[in-house]
Amino acid sequence: MNAASNLQISARFFPDNPAISMDNTEITYKQFNMEANRAATALLKLGIKSGDHIGLCAFNSPEWLILYFGILKIGAVAITLAATLSPDELKMLLKHSKPKILFTEDKRLNDIKDLRGADGIQKVICPEGDISFSRLLETGSTDFEAVYCDRNDTASVLYTGGTTGIPKGVMTTHLNINTSAHNVAFCEHSCENDRALCFLPFNHVFGQMHVMNATVISAGCLEILPSFDMDKIIELIHSGRVTKLFSVPTVYTRLLTLPNIRELLSKVRYCFSAGAAMPAEVVREWKDKTGLLIFEGYGLTETASAVTYNHFNEHVIGSIGATVPGVETQIRDILSGEALPPGEKGEICVRGNNIMKGYLNNPDATYATFWHLDPEKRRHEDQWFRTGDIGYMDEKGYFYIVDRLKDMIITGGENVYSTEVEEAIYKKPEVQECAVIGVPDREWGEEVAAFIILKKGSNVSPDEMKTFLKKSLAPYKVPKIYEFVEDFPRTGKGSILKREIRAQYTGEK
């Protein structure tokens, strides 16, 4: 099995269909597959072998896609990293994943200079690096067939936000990719005539699995943008080329402010939202103004996206949908792990061919996130994955999320772990104590809010704190709200009660 075979199959049956479109330039499936073959054979000439790690740290582009499938074709592993990582974050993840080759941008060369060498990054692909992307392809051949891989071989690694220390690298297998790509394409009634808008980063599970791999397996066209750009999103939709709109609640709320929204979406047949909870009132307003439903689903990086889907035949507003084919879901008691009946709240647990192989170089974290493990062999195959999300299932098998066990904030579709932000805040000498929470926001889903106790006699402004944090955190992790307080609500042991902070700030009970 090789997930890159999906590209080969689409190229065989639909060679002249557009596969990638960007800046009014299109690449057909035949061209896409041939360029991926060039990338694959060029990497082989550089000495890359099956199982070797190759890093991708760049914004969305045809080059990113070509190299990704070239990597998979030879059985190597694509280490997919956010283009917006700070220098410190990038160094940390590169040290953890140890790629032999890194595809990135010229501006990153200074960030990684200390990681070069025989035991580190051996070659950098970028215009001013060791070899440019165009030159790399020139050394390859258009004739190549994807190598056989075991279904459980790692195909790509996607990083989740880390609560402490190094973020966890989710090892996604060829089987994981194929399972979710098939499920998404099936549930969305995808076909070769679809054109899917993708401005979501390819390093994120939503962009990489749900949009990119599912579109390729159904031979549709990826209308890509390097990153989020509201004006370009509107321009692409208005062009009439987009038939499938993939986005996060932030974009849907912004689009609803446009007076000609129904006319603008006249060619769009399907809308999907993920990455954060979609307010029910937004879905209803969207249906009223556009005549279209906003479909939702549920998934995590560890599940290669698709776990549940809110179906065409019975769309339930407020629900994350019913379980997708070939995947099992249960609500389990948080402490005992006992399966609970419909209506009872507990932890959402998942089992199936979409579940990750494990966390890269982190067997303890892998062990801890599954129920009923064999303590001797520390195996997790066929065990239940613990999502950390609290929800319930109704009598029809539709799931609803009500809370999160994990201390995570979802803002604009991006995952932010509060402890990671707190650790960065504590590096400011004037800070005595801090607590970071997510507060509700109609546009972003949640905003990152920092509550800070300063040391006696210290004075720090919100702007100063924001400037300080931008040096060590990706932009979406930097808090937008700063509240300087005298003390926090606490437990009897002195632990900070974040739920109480949130309630006091928002007025929620």
Protein backbone atom coordinates (compact mmCIF):
# COMPACT_ATOMS: atom_id res chain seq x y z
CA MET A 1 0.00 0.00 0.00
CA ASN A 2 1.17 3.54 -0.76
CA ALA A 3 -1.04 6.62 -0.32
CA ALA A 4 0.72 8.23 -3.28
CA SER A 5 -0.88 5.58 -5.50
CA ASN A 6 -4.05 7.67 -5.27
CA LEU A 7 -2.34 10.33 -7.37
CA GLN A 8 -1.22 7.71 -9.92
CA ILE A 9 -4.74 6.31 -10.22
CA SER A 10 -6.31 9.74 -10.72
CA ALA A 11 -3.64 10.55 -13.31
CA ARG A 12 -4.42 7.33 -15.18
CA PHE A 13 -8.18 7.83 -15.34
CA PHE A 14 -8.29 11.64 -15.56
CA PRO A 15 -4.93 12.70 -17.04
CA ASP A 16 -6.20 15.98 -18.49
CA ASN A 17 -8.29 17.03 -15.51
CA PRO A 18 -6.95 20.02 -13.58
CA ALA A 19 -5.32 18.87 -10.32
CA ILE A 20 -3.83 22.07 -8.93
CA SER A 21 -4.79 25.66 -9.64
CA MET A 22 -2.97 28.69 -8.26
CA ASP A 23 -2.63 32.26 -9.54
CA ASN A 24 -4.59 31.32 -12.69
CA THR A 25 -2.08 28.60 -13.55
CA GLU A 26 -3.29 25.00 -13.71
CA ILE A 27 -1.48 21.68 -13.51
CA THR A 28 -3.22 18.58 -14.85
CA TYR A 29 -3.17 15.22 -13.10
CA LYS A 30 -0.79 13.86 -15.71
CA GLN A 31 1.61 16.75 -15.10
CA PHE A 32 1.19 16.52 -11.33
CA ASN A 33 2.06 12.83 -11.29
CA MET A 34 5.04 13.28 -13.62
CA GLU A 35 6.43 16.11 -11.46
CA ALA A 36 5.97 13.99 -8.34
CA ASN A 37 7.92 11.23 -10.12
CA ARG A 38 10.69 13.71 -10.82
CA ALA A 39 10.78 14.67 -7.15
CA ALA A 40 10.80 11.01 -6.08
CA THR A 41 13.66 9.96 -8.35
CA ALA A 42 15.65 13.11 -7.56
CA LEU A 43 15.40 12.32 -3.85
CA LEU A 44 16.60 8.78 -4.52
CA LYS A 45 19.65 10.21 -6.31
CA LEU A 46 20.37 12.27 -3.19
CA GLY A 47 20.56 9.04 -1.20
CA ILE A 48 17.15 9.20 0.46
CA LYS A 49 15.82 5.78 1.44
CA SER A 50 12.50 4.37 2.57
CA GLY A 51 11.77 5.58 6.10
CA ASP A 52 14.03 8.64 5.92
CA HIS A 53 12.56 11.92 7.14
CA ILE A 54 12.16 14.94 4.85
CA GLY A 55 10.88 18.22 6.25
CA LEU A 56 8.39 20.56 4.59
CA CYS A 57 8.24 24.03 6.16
CA ALA A 58 6.66 26.40 3.65
CA PHE A 59 3.34 27.96 2.72
CA ASN A 60 0.90 26.16 0.41
CA SER A 61 2.15 25.84 -3.16
CA PRO A 62 2.24 23.39 -6.09
CA GLU A 63 5.87 22.69 -5.12
CA TRP A 64 4.79 21.62 -1.63
CA LEU A 65 2.26 19.18 -3.09
CA ILE A 66 4.66 17.77 -5.67
CA LEU A 67 7.36 17.14 -3.09
CA TYR A 68 4.89 15.65 -0.59
CA PHE A 69 3.74 12.99 -3.07
CA GLY A 70 7.30 12.46 -4.27
CA ILE A 71 8.34 11.72 -0.69
CA LEU A 72 5.50 9.24 -0.20
CA LYS A 73 6.19 7.57 -3.55
CA ILE A 74 9.64 6.38 -2.39
CA GLY A 75 8.42 5.31 1.06
CA ALA A 76 10.06 8.21 2.87
CA VAL A 77 8.30 10.23 5.58
CA ALA A 78 7.03 13.79 5.11
CA ILE A 79 7.61 15.87 8.25
CA THR A 80 5.06 18.65 7.76
CA LEU A 81 5.75 21.83 9.71
CA ALA A 82 3.87 25.12 9.99
CA ALA A 83 5.35 27.91 7.89
CA THR A 84 4.49 30.36 10.69
CA LEU A 85 6.64 28.69 13.38
CA SER A 86 8.94 31.00 15.30
CA PRO A 87 12.70 30.29 14.93
CA ASP A 88 12.80 28.64 18.36
CA GLU A 89 9.77 26.46 17.59
CA LEU A 90 11.21 25.41 14.23
CA LYS A 91 14.56 24.44 15.76
CA MET A 92 12.82 22.41 18.46
CA LEU A 93 10.75 20.40 15.96
CA LEU A 94 13.67 19.86 13.58
CA LYS A 95 15.80 18.53 16.43
CA HIS A 96 12.95 16.23 17.38
CA SER A 97 12.11 14.90 13.90
CA LYS A 98 15.64 14.93 12.42
CA PRO A 99 14.90 15.34 8.69
CA LYS A 100 17.77 14.72 6.30
CA ILE A 101 16.41 17.24 3.79
CA LEU A 102 14.37 20.37 4.42
CA PHE A 103 12.18 22.17 1.87
CA THR A 104 11.67 25.73 3.06
CA GLU A 105 12.07 29.42 2.26
CA ASP A 106 15.22 31.52 2.02
CA LYS A 107 14.33 33.50 5.14
CA ARG A 108 14.64 30.31 7.19
CA LEU A 109 18.28 29.63 6.30
CA ASN A 110 19.63 31.63 9.21
CA ASP A 111 17.22 29.92 11.62
CA ILE A 112 18.56 26.45 10.80
CA LYS A 113 22.27 27.10 10.25
CA ASP A 114 23.17 25.41 13.55
CA LEU A 115 21.30 22.24 12.54
CA ARG A 116 23.30 21.51 9.41
CA GLY A 117 25.75 18.61 9.14
CA ALA A 118 26.11 14.88 8.66
CA ASP A 119 23.94 14.09 11.67
CA GLY A 120 21.45 16.87 10.96
CA ILE A 121 20.01 18.53 7.87
CA GLN A 122 22.14 17.49 4.93
CA LYS A 123 20.49 19.54 2.21
CA VAL A 124 18.11 22.49 2.08
CA ILE A 125 15.78 22.96 -0.89
CA CYS A 126 15.10 26.64 -1.55
CA PRO A 127 16.35 29.25 -4.06
CA GLU A 128 19.38 30.25 -1.96
CA GLY A 129 19.86 26.83 -0.33
CA ASP A 130 21.85 23.83 -1.50
CA ILE A 131 19.54 23.22 -4.44
CA SER A 132 16.49 25.01 -5.80
CA PHE A 133 13.24 23.14 -6.29
CA SER A 134 13.37 23.56 -10.07
CA ARG A 135 16.94 22.29 -10.20
CA LEU A 136 15.96 19.31 -8.03
CA LEU A 137 13.25 18.30 -10.50
CA GLU A 138 15.65 18.61 -13.42
CA THR A 139 17.71 15.79 -11.93
CA GLY A 140 14.73 13.43 -11.74
CA SER A 141 12.79 11.23 -14.15
CA THR A 142 9.10 11.33 -15.07
CA ASP A 143 8.91 7.52 -15.09
CA PHE A 144 8.40 6.04 -11.63
CA GLU A 145 5.90 3.87 -9.78
CA ALA A 146 5.18 4.31 -6.08
CA VAL A 147 7.02 1.67 -4.06
CA TYR A 148 5.19 -0.87 -1.94
CA CYS A 149 4.87 0.10 1.72
CA ASP A 150 3.38 -1.81 4.59
CA ARG A 151 -0.02 -0.38 5.45
CA ASN A 152 1.33 0.62 8.89
CA ASP A 153 4.45 2.37 7.61
CA THR A 154 4.57 6.05 8.53
CA ALA A 155 3.75 8.33 5.60
CA SER A 156 3.72 11.74 7.27
CA VAL A 157 4.18 13.37 10.65
CA LEU A 158 1.93 16.23 11.75
CA TYR A 159 2.66 18.13 14.95
CA THR A 160 0.04 18.93 17.53
CA GLY A 161 0.42 21.79 19.99
CA GLY A 162 2.34 20.72 23.07
CA THR A 163 1.11 21.25 26.63
CA THR A 164 4.62 20.81 27.97
CA GLY A 165 7.99 20.60 26.28
CA ILE A 166 8.06 19.30 22.72
CA PRO A 167 4.76 19.20 20.78
CA LYS A 168 3.71 15.68 19.87
CA GLY A 169 4.49 14.43 16.35
CA VAL A 170 1.59 12.32 15.11
CA MET A 171 2.79 9.45 12.93
CA THR A 172 0.17 9.02 10.20
CA THR A 173 0.35 5.81 8.17
CA HIS A 174 -0.52 5.03 4.56
CA LEU A 175 -3.55 3.14 5.88
CA ASN A 176 -4.63 6.16 7.97
CA ILE A 177 -4.47 8.45 4.93
CA ASN A 178 -6.35 6.07 2.65
CA THR A 179 -9.05 5.41 5.26
CA SER A 180 -9.80 9.08 5.88
CA ALA A 181 -9.43 10.16 2.24
CA HIS A 182 -11.96 7.53 1.16
CA ASN A 183 -14.34 8.45 3.98
CA VAL A 184 -14.25 12.18 3.23
CA ALA A 185 -14.72 11.64 -0.50
CA PHE A 186 -17.60 9.23 0.14
CA CYS A 187 -19.39 11.39 2.71
CA GLU A 188 -19.06 14.55 0.62
CA HIS A 189 -20.13 12.89 -2.67
CA SER A 190 -16.87 14.08 -4.21
CA CYS A 191 -16.15 13.66 -7.92
CA GLU A 192 -13.71 14.64 -10.66
CA ASN A 193 -15.66 17.81 -11.44
CA ASP A 194 -15.19 19.34 -8.00
CA ARG A 195 -12.88 22.26 -7.37
CA ALA A 196 -11.99 22.53 -3.69
CA LEU A 197 -10.77 25.78 -2.19
CA CYS A 198 -7.82 25.23 0.17
CA PHE A 199 -6.16 28.10 2.00
CA LEU A 200 -5.80 25.93 5.11
CA PRO A 201 -2.14 25.01 5.71
CA PHE A 202 -1.07 21.65 4.34
CA ASN A 203 0.78 20.87 7.58
CA HIS A 204 -2.58 20.87 9.42
CA VAL A 205 -4.75 17.73 9.47
CA PHE A 206 -7.71 19.64 8.00
CA GLY A 207 -5.74 20.88 4.99
CA GLN A 208 -3.55 17.81 4.47
CA MET A 209 -6.00 14.97 5.06
CA HIS A 210 -9.54 16.26 4.75
CA VAL A 211 -9.02 18.61 1.82
CA MET A 212 -5.84 17.70 -0.06
CA ASN A 213 -5.71 13.89 0.10
CA ALA A 214 -9.49 13.51 -0.24
CA THR A 215 -9.53 15.76 -3.31
CA VAL A 216 -6.67 13.87 -4.98
CA ILE A 217 -8.31 10.49 -4.37
CA SER A 218 -11.49 11.74 -6.09
CA ALA A 219 -9.55 13.42 -8.96
CA GLY A 220 -10.88 16.88 -8.15
CA CYS A 221 -8.98 20.14 -8.46
CA LEU A 222 -7.28 21.92 -5.57
CA GLU A 223 -7.75 25.68 -5.79
CA ILE A 224 -4.97 26.68 -3.42
CA LEU A 225 -3.87 29.86 -1.71
CA PRO A 226 -0.53 30.21 0.12
CA SER A 227 -2.36 31.18 3.30
CA PHE A 228 -5.48 32.93 4.53
CA ASP A 229 -6.37 36.01 2.44
CA MET A 230 -9.98 37.11 2.69
CA ASP A 231 -9.90 39.22 -0.48
CA LYS A 232 -8.46 36.35 -2.54
CA ILE A 233 -10.93 33.90 -1.05
CA ILE A 234 -13.80 36.12 -2.16
CA GLU A 235 -12.17 36.62 -5.56
CA LEU A 236 -11.83 32.87 -6.13
CA ILE A 237 -15.41 32.17 -5.07
CA HIS A 238 -16.66 35.01 -7.25
CA SER A 239 -14.78 33.57 -10.25
CA GLY A 240 -17.21 30.64 -10.25
CA ARG A 241 -14.42 28.05 -10.18
CA VAL A 242 -14.96 26.90 -6.59
CA THR A 243 -17.58 24.20 -6.00
CA LYS A 244 -16.47 23.13 -2.51
CA LEU A 245 -15.75 25.64 0.23
CA PHE A 246 -13.62 24.38 3.11
CA SER A 247 -13.15 26.83 5.91
CA VAL A 248 -13.34 27.63 9.60
CA PRO A 249 -16.10 29.52 11.45
CA THR A 250 -14.13 32.79 11.26
CA VAL A 251 -14.43 32.94 7.48
CA TYR A 252 -18.11 32.00 7.41
CA THR A 253 -18.97 34.81 9.85
CA ARG A 254 -17.03 37.28 7.72
CA LEU A 255 -18.68 36.13 4.51
CA LEU A 256 -22.09 36.62 6.10
CA THR A 257 -21.42 40.36 6.26
CA LEU A 258 -21.31 40.59 2.45
CA PRO A 259 -24.54 41.92 0.89
CA ASN A 260 -24.32 39.74 -2.24
CA ILE A 261 -23.48 36.48 -0.51
CA ARG A 262 -26.08 34.32 -2.32
CA GLU A 263 -24.94 35.55 -5.73
CA LEU A 264 -21.30 35.14 -4.73
CA LEU A 265 -21.83 31.46 -3.86
CA SER A 266 -23.94 30.62 -6.92
CA LYS A 267 -21.46 27.94 -8.15
CA VAL A 268 -20.66 26.48 -4.71
CA ARG A 269 -22.46 23.19 -4.04
CA TYR A 270 -20.90 22.25 -0.72
CA CYS A 271 -19.67 24.04 2.42
CA PHE A 272 -17.72 22.42 5.23
CA SER A 273 -16.44 23.83 8.50
CA ALA A 274 -13.99 22.35 10.99
CA GLY A 275 -11.23 23.34 13.37
CA ALA A 276 -13.59 24.95 15.89
CA ALA A 277 -17.19 24.68 17.03
CA MET A 278 -19.60 26.34 14.62
CA PRO A 279 -22.33 28.31 16.43
CA ALA A 280 -25.77 26.97 15.51
CA GLU A 281 -27.05 30.49 14.83
CA VAL A 282 -24.36 30.99 12.19
CA VAL A 283 -25.41 27.78 10.41
CA ARG A 284 -29.04 28.91 10.41
CA GLU A 285 -28.16 32.39 9.15
CA TRP A 286 -25.96 30.87 6.42
CA LYS A 287 -28.79 28.60 5.27
CA ASP A 288 -31.21 31.54 5.24
CA LYS A 289 -28.92 33.85 3.27
CA THR A 290 -27.27 31.37 0.87
CA GLY A 291 -29.62 28.39 0.64
CA LEU A 292 -26.65 26.15 1.54
CA LEU A 293 -25.96 24.09 4.62
CA ILE A 294 -22.66 24.23 6.45
CA PHE A 295 -21.62 20.63 7.03
CA GLU A 296 -19.52 19.72 10.04
CA GLY A 297 -17.58 16.73 11.19
CA TYR A 298 -15.23 15.72 13.93
CA GLY A 299 -11.66 14.56 13.90
CA LEU A 300 -8.23 15.09 15.37
CA THR A 301 -4.70 14.99 14.07
CA GLU A 302 -4.39 11.58 15.74
CA THR A 303 -7.40 10.26 13.79
CA ALA A 304 -6.20 11.54 10.38
CA SER A 305 -9.29 13.77 10.45
CA ALA A 306 -12.55 11.90 9.79
CA VAL A 307 -14.30 10.36 12.81
CA THR A 308 -17.87 11.63 12.46
CA TYR A 309 -19.75 13.45 9.71
CA ASN A 310 -23.03 15.40 9.63
CA HIS A 311 -24.64 13.72 6.66
CA PHE A 312 -26.52 14.95 3.59
CA ASN A 313 -29.58 12.80 4.30
CA GLU A 314 -30.02 13.89 7.91
CA HIS A 315 -28.17 17.07 8.80
CA VAL A 316 -28.50 17.95 12.50
CA ILE A 317 -27.50 21.50 13.42
CA GLY A 318 -25.36 21.55 16.55
CA SER A 319 -24.16 17.97 16.12
CA ILE A 320 -20.76 16.81 14.88
CA GLY A 321 -22.54 14.00 13.06
CA ALA A 322 -22.54 10.21 13.05
CA THR A 323 -19.58 7.86 12.77
CA VAL A 324 -17.99 7.49 9.31
CA PRO A 325 -17.71 4.04 7.66
CA GLY A 326 -15.17 1.61 9.10
CA VAL A 327 -14.61 3.62 12.27
CA GLU A 328 -15.97 2.87 15.75
CA THR A 329 -16.84 5.50 18.36
CA GLN A 330 -17.92 5.18 21.96
CA ILE A 331 -18.64 7.44 24.90
CA ARG A 332 -16.67 6.12 27.87
CA ASP A 333 -16.54 6.96 31.55
CA ILE A 334 -13.57 9.24 32.15
CA LEU A 335 -12.24 7.27 35.11
CA SER A 336 -13.25 3.64 34.54
CA GLY A 337 -13.27 3.52 30.74
CA GLU A 338 -16.66 1.81 30.81
CA ALA A 339 -18.81 2.38 27.70
CA LEU A 340 -21.80 4.63 28.42
CA PRO A 341 -25.32 4.52 26.92
CA PRO A 342 -26.86 7.24 24.70
CA GLY A 343 -27.42 10.52 26.50
CA GLU A 344 -24.66 9.98 29.06
CA LYS A 345 -21.71 12.36 28.97
CA GLY A 346 -18.19 10.99 28.87
CA GLU A 347 -15.00 10.93 26.84
CA ILE A 348 -15.27 10.37 23.09
CA CYS A 349 -13.14 7.33 22.21
CA VAL A 350 -12.32 6.05 18.74
CA ARG A 351 -11.05 2.84 17.14
CA GLY A 352 -10.34 2.07 13.51
CA ASN A 353 -7.92 2.20 10.59
CA ASN A 354 -7.77 5.99 10.86
CA ILE A 355 -6.01 5.98 14.24
CA MET A 356 -2.38 7.11 14.27
CA LYS A 357 0.57 4.78 14.60
CA GLY A 358 1.69 6.72 17.67
CA TYR A 359 3.64 9.82 18.68
CA LEU A 360 7.11 10.17 17.17
CA ASN A 361 9.84 9.36 19.72
CA ASN A 362 7.30 9.48 22.54
CA PRO A 363 6.17 5.99 23.58
CA ASP A 364 4.96 7.16 26.98
CA ALA A 365 2.54 9.69 25.48
CA THR A 366 1.39 7.04 23.00
CA TYR A 367 0.82 4.57 25.82
CA ALA A 368 -1.14 7.10 27.88
CA THR A 369 -3.63 8.03 25.18
CA PHE A 370 -5.14 4.55 24.66
CA TRP A 371 -7.49 2.53 26.87
CA HIS A 372 -6.78 -1.08 27.94
CA LEU A 373 -3.18 -1.39 26.84
CA ASP A 374 -1.12 -4.50 27.29
CA PRO A 375 1.26 -3.42 30.10
CA GLU A 376 3.88 -5.93 29.01
CA LYS A 377 4.08 -5.27 25.29
CA ARG A 378 2.89 -1.63 25.48
CA ARG A 379 0.93 -2.22 22.30
CA HIS A 380 -2.03 -0.08 21.26
CA GLU A 381 -3.17 -1.81 18.10
CA ASP A 382 -6.93 -2.34 18.09
CA GLN A 383 -7.31 -0.35 21.30
CA TRP A 384 -9.53 2.65 21.94
CA PHE A 385 -7.98 6.08 21.38
CA ARG A 386 -8.86 8.68 24.00
CA THR A 387 -9.70 11.98 22.31
CA GLY A 388 -9.77 14.09 25.47
CA ASP A 389 -13.10 15.56 24.34
CA ILE A 390 -16.25 15.26 26.43
CA GLY A 391 -19.50 14.60 24.63
CA TYR A 392 -22.55 12.40 24.33
CA MET A 393 -24.36 10.38 21.67
CA ASP A 394 -28.09 10.53 21.01
CA GLU A 395 -30.36 7.60 20.18
CA LYS A 396 -29.74 8.02 16.45
CA GLY A 397 -25.96 7.80 16.83
CA TYR A 398 -25.27 11.51 16.40
CA PHE A 399 -22.52 12.95 18.58
CA TYR A 400 -22.31 16.26 20.43
CA ILE A 401 -19.26 17.86 22.05
CA VAL A 402 -19.88 19.62 25.35
CA ASP A 403 -16.40 20.21 26.82
CA ARG A 404 -12.71 19.36 26.54
CA LEU A 405 -10.54 17.41 28.90
CA LYS A 406 -7.42 18.68 27.25
CA ASP A 407 -6.40 22.18 28.16
CA MET A 408 -6.63 23.38 24.60
CA ILE A 409 -7.90 26.53 22.93
CA ILE A 410 -9.17 26.49 19.33
CA THR A 411 -8.86 29.89 17.67
CA GLY A 412 -9.56 30.35 13.97
CA GLY A 413 -9.19 26.60 13.45
CA GLU A 414 -5.72 26.45 15.07
CA ASN A 415 -5.01 24.50 18.25
CA VAL A 416 -3.33 26.43 21.06
CA TYR A 417 -2.31 24.77 24.32
CA SER A 418 -2.47 27.19 27.23
CA THR A 419 0.53 25.76 29.08
CA GLU A 420 2.76 26.40 26.07
CA VAL A 421 1.70 30.06 26.01
CA GLU A 422 2.07 30.33 29.79
CA GLU A 423 5.62 29.04 29.58
CA ALA A 424 6.44 31.81 27.10
CA ILE A 425 4.81 34.45 29.32
CA TYR A 426 6.80 33.29 32.33
CA LYS A 427 9.98 34.16 30.46
CA LYS A 428 9.10 37.82 30.92
CA PRO A 429 11.00 38.84 34.11
CA GLU A 430 8.18 41.07 35.40
CA VAL A 431 5.64 38.20 35.47
CA GLN A 432 4.89 36.56 38.79
CA GLU A 433 2.08 34.25 37.75
CA CYS A 434 -0.19 33.78 34.77
CA ALA A 435 -3.10 31.78 33.45
CA VAL A 436 -4.09 31.45 29.79
CA ILE A 437 -7.61 30.49 28.76
CA GLY A 438 -9.85 30.60 25.72
CA VAL A 439 -12.78 32.98 25.77
CA PRO A 440 -15.72 32.75 23.35
CA ASP A 441 -15.54 34.81 20.17
CA ARG A 442 -18.15 34.81 17.39
CA GLU A 443 -15.58 35.24 14.63
CA TRP A 444 -12.62 33.18 15.85
CA GLY A 445 -14.47 30.57 17.90
CA GLU A 446 -12.22 31.39 20.82
CA GLU A 447 -9.64 34.07 21.53
CA VAL A 448 -6.48 33.44 23.55
CA ALA A 449 -6.65 35.47 26.76
CA ALA A 450 -3.80 35.94 29.23
CA PHE A 451 -4.44 36.78 32.88
CA ILE A 452 -1.26 38.00 34.53
CA ILE A 453 -0.07 38.85 38.02
CA LEU A 454 2.97 41.12 37.87
CA LYS A 455 5.74 41.20 40.41
CA LYS A 456 5.45 43.99 42.93
CA GLY A 457 6.60 47.31 41.51
CA SER A 458 6.59 46.04 37.90
CA ASN A 459 4.67 47.62 35.05
CA VAL A 460 4.08 45.98 31.66
CA SER A 461 1.63 47.09 28.98
CA PRO A 462 -0.40 44.71 26.78
CA ASP A 463 1.48 45.92 23.68
CA GLU A 464 4.83 45.27 25.35
CA MET A 465 3.74 41.78 26.34
CA LYS A 466 2.46 41.04 22.84
CA THR A 467 5.74 42.20 21.25
CA PHE A 468 7.69 40.01 23.67
CA LEU A 469 5.63 36.89 22.93
CA LYS A 470 5.83 37.30 19.16
CA LYS A 471 9.54 36.46 19.42
CA SER A 472 8.88 32.92 20.64
CA LEU A 473 5.34 32.01 19.56
CA ALA A 474 3.58 31.61 16.23
CA PRO A 475 1.18 34.54 15.60
CA TYR A 476 -2.00 32.56 16.28
CA LYS A 477 -0.70 31.53 19.72
CA VAL A 478 -0.02 35.09 20.90
CA PRO A 479 -2.86 36.24 23.21
CA LYS A 480 -5.15 38.97 21.93
CA ILE A 481 -6.53 39.77 25.40
CA TYR A 482 -4.41 40.78 28.42
CA GLU A 483 -5.82 41.24 31.89
CA PHE A 484 -3.52 42.24 34.75
CA VAL A 485 -4.99 41.03 38.02
CA GLU A 486 -4.14 40.92 41.74
CA ASP A 487 -4.91 37.23 42.27
CA PHE A 488 -6.69 34.18 40.82
CA PRO A 489 -9.51 32.00 42.11
CA ARG A 490 -7.86 28.90 43.53
CA THR A 491 -8.48 25.47 45.00
CA GLY A 492 -7.72 24.68 48.60
CA LYS A 493 -4.29 23.50 47.50
CA GLY A 494 -3.60 26.80 45.77
CA SER A 495 -4.08 25.58 42.19
CA ILE A 496 -5.52 28.11 39.77
CA LEU A 497 -9.15 27.52 38.82
CA LYS A 498 -9.20 28.38 35.13
CA ARG A 499 -12.88 27.54 34.82
CA GLU A 500 -13.62 30.20 37.42
CA ILE A 501 -11.46 32.75 35.60
CA ARG A 502 -13.38 32.08 32.43
CA ALA A 503 -16.72 32.35 34.22
CA GLN A 504 -15.77 35.65 35.87
CA TYR A 505 -14.53 37.13 32.60
CA THR A 506 -17.40 35.99 30.39
CA GLY A 507 -20.22 36.05 32.92
CA GLU A 508 -20.92 32.36 32.25
CA LYS A 509 -22.11 30.17 35.09
